[in-house]
Amino acid sequence: MCVPDYKIERISSIYYLGEILGCLSIARIPDLFGRKWPITITTAIQFPVYIAIILSTSLTFTSVLAFFMGILHVGIYNGGYINVCEYV
């Protein structure tokens, strides 16, 4: 509440930057190594990041965690989407 609006808006911008970099780096991994392990690993990493975001009191730390959330989001949802498409 005590920070300017642009600093709070920066969190979502950094999240989408993480998604862009995740698409460039992680999106191809499920195609090369299978779907199970990339989804499992990114989910296992993302759970503590969720907890840390909830408990975070620092705006900078929250921004860094949002970046990691964006990267990990690609690993979970892109791999899961491709997996479901293969079953259908």
PDB file of N, CA and C in Angstrom:
ATOM      1  N   MET A   1       0.815  -1.204   0.000  1.00  0.00           N
ATOM      2  CA  MET A   1       0.000   0.000   0.000  1.00  0.00           C
ATOM      3  C   MET A   1       0.855   1.264   0.000  1.00  0.00           C
ATOM      4  N   CYS A   2       2.094   1.152   0.441  1.00  0.00           N
ATOM      5  CA  CYS A   2       2.936   2.337   0.567  1.00  0.00           C
ATOM      6  C   CYS A   2       3.915   2.501  -0.582  1.00  0.00           C
ATOM      7  N   VAL A   3       3.732   1.755  -1.645  1.00  0.00           N
ATOM      8  CA  VAL A   3       4.648   1.867  -2.784  1.00  0.00           C
ATOM      9  C   VAL A   3       3.881   2.417  -3.981  1.00  0.00           C
ATOM     10  N   PRO A   4       4.587   3.011  -4.917  1.00  0.00           N
ATOM     11  CA  PRO A   4       3.920   3.516  -6.122  1.00  0.00           C
ATOM     12  C   PRO A   4       3.320   2.375  -6.949  1.00  0.00           C
ATOM     13  N   ASP A   5       2.312   2.715  -7.728  1.00  0.00           N
ATOM     14  CA  ASP A   5       1.614   1.711  -8.535  1.00  0.00           C
ATOM     15  C   ASP A   5       2.524   1.031  -9.549  1.00  0.00           C
ATOM     16  N   TYR A   6       3.470   1.765 -10.102  1.00  0.00           N
ATOM     17  CA  TYR A   6       4.320   1.160 -11.132  1.00  0.00           C
ATOM     18  C   TYR A   6       5.173   0.025 -10.563  1.00  0.00           C
ATOM     19  N   LYS A   7       5.511   0.092  -9.281  1.00  0.00           N
ATOM     20  CA  LYS A   7       6.292  -1.001  -8.685  1.00  0.00           C
ATOM     21  C   LYS A   7       5.445  -2.257  -8.524  1.00  0.00           C
ATOM     22  N   ILE A   8       4.188  -2.093  -8.243  1.00  0.00           N
ATOM     23  CA  ILE A   8       3.298  -3.247  -8.128  1.00  0.00           C
ATOM     24  C   ILE A   8       3.005  -3.821  -9.509  1.00  0.00           C
ATOM     25  N   GLU A   9       2.837  -2.960 -10.500  1.00  0.00           N
ATOM     26  CA  GLU A   9       2.611  -3.425 -11.872  1.00  0.00           C
ATOM     27  C   GLU A   9       3.831  -4.137 -12.435  1.00  0.00           C
ATOM     28  N   ARG A  10       4.989  -3.832 -11.907  1.00  0.00           N
ATOM     29  CA  ARG A  10       6.220  -4.476 -12.352  1.00  0.00           C
ATOM     30  C   ARG A  10       6.191  -5.982 -12.082  1.00  0.00           C
ATOM     31  N   ILE A  11       5.491  -6.410 -11.052  1.00  0.00           N
ATOM     32  CA  ILE A  11       5.416  -7.836 -10.719  1.00  0.00           C
ATOM     33  C   ILE A  11       4.821  -8.609 -11.887  1.00  0.00           C
ATOM     34  N   SER A  12       3.726  -8.129 -12.461  1.00  0.00           N
ATOM     35  CA  SER A  12       3.111  -8.853 -13.578  1.00  0.00           C
ATOM     36  C   SER A  12       3.976  -8.775 -14.830  1.00  0.00           C
ATOM     37  N   SER A  13       4.658  -7.662 -15.039  1.00  0.00           N
ATOM     38  CA  SER A  13       5.548  -7.558 -16.199  1.00  0.00           C
ATOM     39  C   SER A  13       6.705  -8.544 -16.092  1.00  0.00           C
ATOM     40  N   ILE A  14       7.245  -8.690 -14.902  1.00  0.00           N
ATOM     41  CA  ILE A  14       8.351  -9.622 -14.695  1.00  0.00           C
ATOM     42  C   ILE A  14       7.851 -11.058 -14.831  1.00  0.00           C
ATOM     43  N   TYR A  15       6.623 -11.325 -14.391  1.00  0.00           N
ATOM     44  CA  TYR A  15       6.050 -12.662 -14.560  1.00  0.00           C
ATOM     45  C   TYR A  15       5.978 -13.033 -16.043  1.00  0.00           C
ATOM     46  N   TYR A  16       5.497 -12.114 -16.875  1.00  0.00           N
ATOM     47  CA  TYR A  16       5.389 -12.400 -18.301  1.00  0.00           C
ATOM     48  C   TYR A  16       6.757 -12.472 -18.973  1.00  0.00           C
ATOM     49  N   LEU A  17       7.728 -11.737 -18.467  1.00  0.00           N
ATOM     50  CA  LEU A  17       9.088 -11.879 -18.964  1.00  0.00           C
ATOM     51  C   LEU A  17       9.609 -13.287 -18.665  1.00  0.00           C
ATOM     52  N   GLY A  18       9.288 -13.801 -17.480  1.00  0.00           N
ATOM     53  CA  GLY A  18       9.649 -15.171 -17.143  1.00  0.00           C
ATOM     54  C   GLY A  18       8.980 -16.179 -18.061  1.00  0.00           C
ATOM     55  N   GLU A  19       7.725 -15.932 -18.412  1.00  0.00           N
ATOM     56  CA  GLU A  19       7.041 -16.831 -19.351  1.00  0.00           C
ATOM     57  C   GLU A  19       7.707 -16.805 -20.729  1.00  0.00           C
ATOM     58  N   ILE A  20       8.111 -15.642 -21.180  1.00  0.00           N
ATOM     59  CA  ILE A  20       8.775 -15.543 -22.481  1.00  0.00           C
ATOM     60  C   ILE A  20      10.083 -16.325 -22.460  1.00  0.00           C
ATOM     61  N   LEU A  21      10.880 -16.127 -21.428  1.00  0.00           N
ATOM     62  CA  LEU A  21      12.144 -16.856 -21.340  1.00  0.00           C
ATOM     63  C   LEU A  21      11.913 -18.348 -21.126  1.00  0.00           C
ATOM     64  N   GLY A  22      10.845 -18.702 -20.426  1.00  0.00           N
ATOM     65  CA  GLY A  22      10.501 -20.107 -20.250  1.00  0.00           C
ATOM     66  C   GLY A  22      10.092 -20.755 -21.560  1.00  0.00           C
ATOM     67  N   CYS A  23       9.381 -20.012 -22.385  1.00  0.00           N
ATOM     68  CA  CYS A  23       8.991 -20.545 -23.696  1.00  0.00           C
ATOM     69  C   CYS A  23      10.217 -20.786 -24.576  1.00  0.00           C
ATOM     70  N   LEU A  24      11.213 -19.953 -24.426  1.00  0.00           N
ATOM     71  CA  LEU A  24      12.424 -20.121 -25.218  1.00  0.00           C
ATOM     72  C   LEU A  24      13.307 -21.257 -24.703  1.00  0.00           C
ATOM     73  N   SER A  25      13.225 -21.559 -23.406  1.00  0.00           N
ATOM     74  CA  SER A  25      14.144 -22.545 -22.845  1.00  0.00           C
ATOM     75  C   SER A  25      13.476 -23.851 -22.426  1.00  0.00           C
ATOM     76  N   ILE A  26      12.320 -23.804 -21.803  1.00  0.00           N
ATOM     77  CA  ILE A  26      11.719 -25.005 -21.213  1.00  0.00           C
ATOM     78  C   ILE A  26      10.711 -25.681 -22.133  1.00  0.00           C
ATOM     79  N   ALA A  27      10.110 -24.971 -23.038  1.00  0.00           N
ATOM     80  CA  ALA A  27       9.019 -25.534 -23.842  1.00  0.00           C
ATOM     81  C   ALA A  27       9.442 -26.739 -24.669  1.00  0.00           C
ATOM     82  N   ARG A  28      10.663 -26.814 -25.065  1.00  0.00           N
ATOM     83  CA  ARG A  28      11.129 -27.918 -25.905  1.00  0.00           C
ATOM     84  C   ARG A  28      11.529 -29.150 -25.092  1.00  0.00           C
ATOM     85  N   ILE A  29      11.786 -29.000 -23.820  1.00  0.00           N
ATOM     86  CA  ILE A  29      12.257 -30.105 -22.979  1.00  0.00           C
ATOM     87  C   ILE A  29      11.277 -31.281 -22.941  1.00  0.00           C
ATOM     88  N   PRO A  30       9.952 -31.068 -22.775  1.00  0.00           N
ATOM     89  CA  PRO A  30       9.050 -32.230 -22.783  1.00  0.00           C
ATOM     90  C   PRO A  30       9.056 -33.002 -24.105  1.00  0.00           C
ATOM     91  N   ASP A  31       9.316 -32.331 -25.213  1.00  0.00           N
ATOM     92  CA  ASP A  31       9.389 -33.025 -26.498  1.00  0.00           C
ATOM     93  C   ASP A  31      10.634 -33.906 -26.588  1.00  0.00           C
ATOM     94  N   LEU A  32      11.701 -33.482 -25.962  1.00  0.00           N
ATOM     95  CA  LEU A  32      12.953 -34.222 -26.057  1.00  0.00           C
ATOM     96  C   LEU A  32      13.076 -35.350 -25.037  1.00  0.00           C
ATOM     97  N   PHE A  33      12.592 -35.123 -23.814  1.00  0.00           N
ATOM     98  CA  PHE A  33      12.844 -36.062 -22.723  1.00  0.00           C
ATOM     99  C   PHE A  33      11.597 -36.717 -22.160  1.00  0.00           C
ATOM    100  N   GLY A  34      10.445 -36.479 -22.738  1.00  0.00           N
ATOM    101  CA  GLY A  34       9.210 -37.049 -22.213  1.00  0.00           C
ATOM    102  C   GLY A  34       8.467 -36.033 -21.364  1.00  0.00           C
ATOM    103  N   ARG A  35       7.226 -36.352 -21.031  1.00  0.00           N
ATOM    104  CA  ARG A  35       6.360 -35.392 -20.332  1.00  0.00           C
ATOM    105  C   ARG A  35       6.408 -35.518 -18.810  1.00  0.00           C
ATOM    106  N   LYS A  36       6.662 -36.695 -18.312  1.00  0.00           N
ATOM    107  CA  LYS A  36       6.499 -36.954 -16.884  1.00  0.00           C
ATOM    108  C   LYS A  36       7.473 -36.157 -16.015  1.00  0.00           C
ATOM    109  N   TRP A  37       8.755 -36.247 -16.298  1.00  0.00           N
ATOM    110  CA  TRP A  37       9.740 -35.634 -15.411  1.00  0.00           C
ATOM    111  C   TRP A  37       9.762 -34.116 -15.471  1.00  0.00           C
ATOM    112  N   PRO A  38       9.661 -33.481 -16.622  1.00  0.00           N
ATOM    113  CA  PRO A  38       9.612 -32.010 -16.597  1.00  0.00           C
ATOM    114  C   PRO A  38       8.408 -31.468 -15.833  1.00  0.00           C
ATOM    115  N   ILE A  39       7.249 -32.097 -15.985  1.00  0.00           N
ATOM    116  CA  ILE A  39       6.068 -31.635 -15.247  1.00  0.00           C
ATOM    117  C   ILE A  39       6.250 -31.878 -13.757  1.00  0.00           C
ATOM    118  N   THR A  40       6.781 -33.032 -13.380  1.00  0.00           N
ATOM    119  CA  THR A  40       6.991 -33.353 -11.976  1.00  0.00           C
ATOM    120  C   THR A  40       8.000 -32.405 -11.333  1.00  0.00           C
ATOM    121  N   ILE A  41       9.088 -32.150 -12.014  1.00  0.00           N
ATOM    122  CA  ILE A  41      10.132 -31.284 -11.457  1.00  0.00           C
ATOM    123  C   ILE A  41       9.653 -29.844 -11.341  1.00  0.00           C
ATOM    124  N   THR A  42       9.006 -29.320 -12.377  1.00  0.00           N
ATOM    125  CA  THR A  42       8.535 -27.938 -12.300  1.00  0.00           C
ATOM    126  C   THR A  42       7.426 -27.769 -11.266  1.00  0.00           C
ATOM    127  N   THR A  43       6.589 -28.770 -11.092  1.00  0.00           N
ATOM    128  CA  THR A  43       5.561 -28.697 -10.048  1.00  0.00           C
ATOM    129  C   THR A  43       6.199 -28.728  -8.667  1.00  0.00           C
ATOM    130  N   ALA A  44       7.201 -29.577  -8.478  1.00  0.00           N
ATOM    131  CA  ALA A  44       7.880 -29.667  -7.184  1.00  0.00           C
ATOM    132  C   ALA A  44       8.623 -28.373  -6.854  1.00  0.00           C
ATOM    133  N   ILE A  45       9.164 -27.713  -7.858  1.00  0.00           N
ATOM    134  CA  ILE A  45       9.844 -26.441  -7.614  1.00  0.00           C
ATOM    135  C   ILE A  45       8.840 -25.319  -7.401  1.00  0.00           C
ATOM    136  N   GLN A  46       7.716 -25.371  -8.116  1.00  0.00           N
ATOM    137  CA  GLN A  46       6.759 -24.272  -8.043  1.00  0.00           C
ATOM    138  C   GLN A  46       6.021 -24.214  -6.704  1.00  0.00           C
ATOM    139  N   PHE A  47       5.825 -25.338  -6.053  1.00  0.00           N
ATOM    140  CA  PHE A  47       5.104 -25.332  -4.781  1.00  0.00           C
ATOM    141  C   PHE A  47       5.796 -24.479  -3.714  1.00  0.00           C
ATOM    142  N   PRO A  48       7.109 -24.647  -3.466  1.00  0.00           N
ATOM    143  CA  PRO A  48       7.749 -23.755  -2.499  1.00  0.00           C
ATOM    144  C   PRO A  48       7.772 -22.292  -2.929  1.00  0.00           C
ATOM    145  N   VAL A  49       7.789 -22.056  -4.243  1.00  0.00           N
ATOM    146  CA  VAL A  49       7.762 -20.677  -4.723  1.00  0.00           C
ATOM    147  C   VAL A  49       6.409 -20.042  -4.394  1.00  0.00           C
ATOM    148  N   TYR A  50       5.320 -20.800  -4.542  1.00  0.00           N
ATOM    149  CA  TYR A  50       4.003 -20.302  -4.144  1.00  0.00           C
ATOM    150  C   TYR A  50       3.976 -19.934  -2.664  1.00  0.00           C
ATOM    151  N   ILE A  51       4.502 -20.815  -1.840  1.00  0.00           N
ATOM    152  CA  ILE A  51       4.528 -20.561  -0.393  1.00  0.00           C
ATOM    153  C   ILE A  51       5.360 -19.324  -0.093  1.00  0.00           C
ATOM    154  N   ALA A  52       6.509 -19.186  -0.764  1.00  0.00           N
ATOM    155  CA  ALA A  52       7.370 -18.026  -0.531  1.00  0.00           C
ATOM    156  C   ALA A  52       6.697 -16.729  -0.966  1.00  0.00           C
ATOM    157  N   ILE A  53       5.932 -16.767  -2.056  1.00  0.00           N
ATOM    158  CA  ILE A  53       5.220 -15.557  -2.488  1.00  0.00           C
ATOM    159  C   ILE A  53       4.161 -15.156  -1.468  1.00  0.00           C
ATOM    160  N   ILE A  54       3.476 -16.132  -0.933  1.00  0.00           N
ATOM    161  CA  ILE A  54       2.442 -15.839   0.067  1.00  0.00           C
ATOM    162  C   ILE A  54       3.062 -15.211   1.311  1.00  0.00           C
ATOM    163  N   LEU A  55       4.213 -15.704   1.724  1.00  0.00           N
ATOM    164  CA  LEU A  55       4.849 -15.238   2.953  1.00  0.00           C
ATOM    165  C   LEU A  55       5.795 -14.056   2.745  1.00  0.00           C
ATOM    166  N   SER A  56       6.015 -13.657   1.515  1.00  0.00           N
ATOM    167  CA  SER A  56       6.978 -12.592   1.225  1.00  0.00           C
ATOM    168  C   SER A  56       6.484 -11.233   1.689  1.00  0.00           C
ATOM    169  N   THR A  57       7.396 -10.454   2.259  1.00  0.00           N
ATOM    170  CA  THR A  57       7.078  -9.077   2.648  1.00  0.00           C
ATOM    171  C   THR A  57       7.912  -8.066   1.864  1.00  0.00           C
ATOM    172  N   SER A  58       8.791  -8.554   1.004  1.00  0.00           N
ATOM    173  CA  SER A  58       9.649  -7.688   0.206  1.00  0.00           C
ATOM    174  C   SER A  58       9.142  -7.640  -1.233  1.00  0.00           C
ATOM    175  N   LEU A  59       8.998  -6.454  -1.757  1.00  0.00           N
ATOM    176  CA  LEU A  59       8.525  -6.297  -3.128  1.00  0.00           C
ATOM    177  C   LEU A  59       9.544  -6.817  -4.134  1.00  0.00           C
ATOM    178  N   THR A  60      10.805  -6.610  -3.866  1.00  0.00           N
ATOM    179  CA  THR A  60      11.855  -7.101  -4.762  1.00  0.00           C
ATOM    180  C   THR A  60      11.884  -8.619  -4.787  1.00  0.00           C
ATOM    181  N   PHE A  61      11.789  -9.239  -3.622  1.00  0.00           N
ATOM    182  CA  PHE A  61      11.781 -10.697  -3.540  1.00  0.00           C
ATOM    183  C   PHE A  61      10.548 -11.265  -4.235  1.00  0.00           C
ATOM    184  N   THR A  62       9.415 -10.601  -4.086  1.00  0.00           N
ATOM    185  CA  THR A  62       8.190 -11.035  -4.754  1.00  0.00           C
ATOM    186  C   THR A  62       8.341 -10.931  -6.268  1.00  0.00           C
ATOM    187  N   SER A  63       9.016  -9.905  -6.745  1.00  0.00           N
ATOM    188  CA  SER A  63       9.246  -9.757  -8.179  1.00  0.00           C
ATOM    189  C   SER A  63      10.137 -10.876  -8.717  1.00  0.00           C
ATOM    190  N   VAL A  64      11.165 -11.245  -7.980  1.00  0.00           N
ATOM    191  CA  VAL A  64      12.039 -12.340  -8.387  1.00  0.00           C
ATOM    192  C   VAL A  64      11.264 -13.654  -8.405  1.00  0.00           C
ATOM    193  N   LEU A  65      10.441 -13.878  -7.396  1.00  0.00           N
ATOM    194  CA  LEU A  65       9.632 -15.095  -7.354  1.00  0.00           C
ATOM    195  C   LEU A  65       8.620 -15.125  -8.491  1.00  0.00           C
ATOM    196  N   ALA A  66       8.072 -13.968  -8.851  1.00  0.00           N
ATOM    197  CA  ALA A  66       7.133 -13.908  -9.978  1.00  0.00           C
ATOM    198  C   ALA A  66       7.833 -14.293 -11.278  1.00  0.00           C
ATOM    199  N   PHE A  67       9.085 -13.899 -11.427  1.00  0.00           N
ATOM    200  CA  PHE A  67       9.865 -14.288 -12.605  1.00  0.00           C
ATOM    201  C   PHE A  67       9.996 -15.811 -12.662  1.00  0.00           C
ATOM    202  N   PHE A  68      10.337 -16.435 -11.546  1.00  0.00           N
ATOM    203  CA  PHE A  68      10.453 -17.891 -11.514  1.00  0.00           C
ATOM    204  C   PHE A  68       9.108 -18.571 -11.739  1.00  0.00           C
ATOM    205  N   MET A  69       8.045 -17.970 -11.244  1.00  0.00           N
ATOM    206  CA  MET A  69       6.708 -18.522 -11.487  1.00  0.00           C
ATOM    207  C   MET A  69       6.391 -18.527 -12.976  1.00  0.00           C
ATOM    208  N   GLY A  70       6.774 -17.461 -13.678  1.00  0.00           N
ATOM    209  CA  GLY A  70       6.551 -17.409 -15.118  1.00  0.00           C
ATOM    210  C   GLY A  70       7.310 -18.496 -15.862  1.00  0.00           C
ATOM    211  N   ILE A  71       8.557 -18.714 -15.479  1.00  0.00           N
ATOM    212  CA  ILE A  71       9.348 -19.770 -16.116  1.00  0.00           C
ATOM    213  C   ILE A  71       8.742 -21.136 -15.823  1.00  0.00           C
ATOM    214  N   LEU A  72       8.397 -21.388 -14.575  1.00  0.00           N
ATOM    215  CA  LEU A  72       7.868 -22.694 -14.193  1.00  0.00           C
ATOM    216  C   LEU A  72       6.474 -22.935 -14.757  1.00  0.00           C
ATOM    217  N   HIS A  73       5.722 -21.883 -14.972  1.00  0.00           N
ATOM    218  CA  HIS A  73       4.382 -22.009 -15.550  1.00  0.00           C
ATOM    219  C   HIS A  73       4.441 -22.674 -16.916  1.00  0.00           C
ATOM    220  N   VAL A  74       5.442 -22.319 -17.689  1.00  0.00           N
ATOM    221  CA  VAL A  74       5.597 -22.897 -19.024  1.00  0.00           C
ATOM    222  C   VAL A  74       5.848 -24.394 -18.927  1.00  0.00           C
ATOM    223  N   GLY A  75       6.686 -24.799 -17.994  1.00  0.00           N
ATOM    224  CA  GLY A  75       6.993 -26.219 -17.848  1.00  0.00           C
ATOM    225  C   GLY A  75       5.789 -27.052 -17.467  1.00  0.00           C
ATOM    226  N   ILE A  76       4.922 -26.499 -16.647  1.00  0.00           N
ATOM    227  CA  ILE A  76       3.757 -27.257 -16.186  1.00  0.00           C
ATOM    228  C   ILE A  76       2.651 -27.251 -17.239  1.00  0.00           C
ATOM    229  N   TYR A  77       2.235 -26.086 -17.662  1.00  0.00           N
ATOM    230  CA  TYR A  77       1.050 -26.000 -18.501  1.00  0.00           C
ATOM    231  C   TYR A  77       1.316 -26.337 -19.959  1.00  0.00           C
ATOM    232  N   ASN A  78       2.476 -26.018 -20.467  1.00  0.00           N
ATOM    233  CA  ASN A  78       2.789 -26.397 -21.844  1.00  0.00           C
ATOM    234  C   ASN A  78       2.951 -27.908 -21.944  1.00  0.00           C
ATOM    235  N   GLY A  79       3.692 -28.490 -21.021  1.00  0.00           N
ATOM    236  CA  GLY A  79       3.863 -29.941 -21.029  1.00  0.00           C
ATOM    237  C   GLY A  79       2.568 -30.674 -20.777  1.00  0.00           C
ATOM    238  N   GLY A  80       1.747 -30.168 -19.869  1.00  0.00           N
ATOM    239  CA  GLY A  80       0.449 -30.795 -19.589  1.00  0.00           C
ATOM    240  C   GLY A  80      -0.509 -30.679 -20.757  1.00  0.00           C
ATOM    241  N   TYR A  81      -0.506 -29.525 -21.436  1.00  0.00           N
ATOM    242  CA  TYR A  81      -1.379 -29.320 -22.588  1.00  0.00           C
ATOM    243  C   TYR A  81      -1.008 -30.284 -23.713  1.00  0.00           C
ATOM    244  N   ILE A  82       0.280 -30.414 -23.975  1.00  0.00           N
ATOM    245  CA  ILE A  82       0.714 -31.332 -25.028  1.00  0.00           C
ATOM    246  C   ILE A  82       0.361 -32.763 -24.662  1.00  0.00           C
ATOM    247  N   ASN A  83       0.512 -33.094 -23.391  1.00  0.00           N
ATOM    248  CA  ASN A  83       0.186 -34.440 -22.919  1.00  0.00           C
ATOM    249  C   ASN A  83      -1.302 -34.751 -23.128  1.00  0.00           C
ATOM    250  N   VAL A  84      -2.171 -33.821 -22.770  1.00  0.00           N
ATOM    251  CA  VAL A  84      -3.606 -34.024 -22.955  1.00  0.00           C
ATOM    252  C   VAL A  84      -3.962 -34.111 -24.439  1.00  0.00           C
ATOM    253  N   CYS A  85      -3.329 -33.284 -25.260  1.00  0.00           N
ATOM    254  CA  CYS A  85      -3.582 -33.332 -26.696  1.00  0.00           C
ATOM    255  C   CYS A  85      -3.203 -34.683 -27.290  1.00  0.00           C
ATOM    256  N   GLU A  86      -2.155 -35.295 -26.798  1.00  0.00           N
ATOM    257  CA  GLU A  86      -1.755 -36.610 -27.294  1.00  0.00           C
ATOM    258  C   GLU A  86      -2.771 -37.671 -26.918  1.00  0.00           C
ATOM    259  N   TYR A  87      -3.390 -37.558 -25.745  1.00  0.00           N
ATOM    260  CA  TYR A  87      -4.371 -38.538 -25.332  1.00  0.00           C
ATOM    261  C   TYR A  87      -5.680 -38.399 -26.098  1.00  0.00           C
ATOM    262  N   VAL A  88      -6.025 -37.182 -26.460  1.00  0.00           N
ATOM    263  CA  VAL A  88      -7.279 -36.946 -27.179  1.00  0.00           C
ATOM    264  C   VAL A  88      -7.083 -37.350 -28.618  1.00  0.00           C
TER     265      VAL A  88
END
